[in-house]
Amino acid sequence: QVQVEESGGGLVQAGGSLRLSCTASGRPFSAFVMAWFRQSPREEREFVAALRFDGGTTYYADSVNGRFTISRDGTKKTVYLEMHSLKPEDAGKYYCAADGDRYYERPSRYRMRGEYDYWGRGTRVTVSS
């Protein structure tokens, strides 16, 4: 049984920074593609960032590219999402997701919710203007 758990959400002013963390257990951490998605009220869950099993390649939504950084620490079995220059539109519930594939041949797959088998319960990010 794979368990995914996020932490680090909170309230931040526009222009500020926040770091989210995610742990995945139940299988070797190095076996996972990991990703972050987010969802705001009345919106669909959208892709934010993803990385392959070794962290060698990362992918970002256009809306966060240059402001957010996804990374992983294999020794801590943790994936991070560093968020800078936060905007009110970045607010929402952030979900960490994991998939048992180590990487995808087709880059577009990293952005698809349906590719990920394991999800956390989410952590809320609020950005005040």
Foldseek 3Di string as FASTA:
>chain_A
DKAKAKDWADEEAQQAKTKMKMAIDDDQLLQKWKFKWWDAPPGDIWGAKIAFSVRPDMDGDPVQPPFWDWGDDNVVRMIMIIGGNHDQVVWGWMKMFIARHRDDPDVVLRGDPVRTDYIYPTDTHGYHD
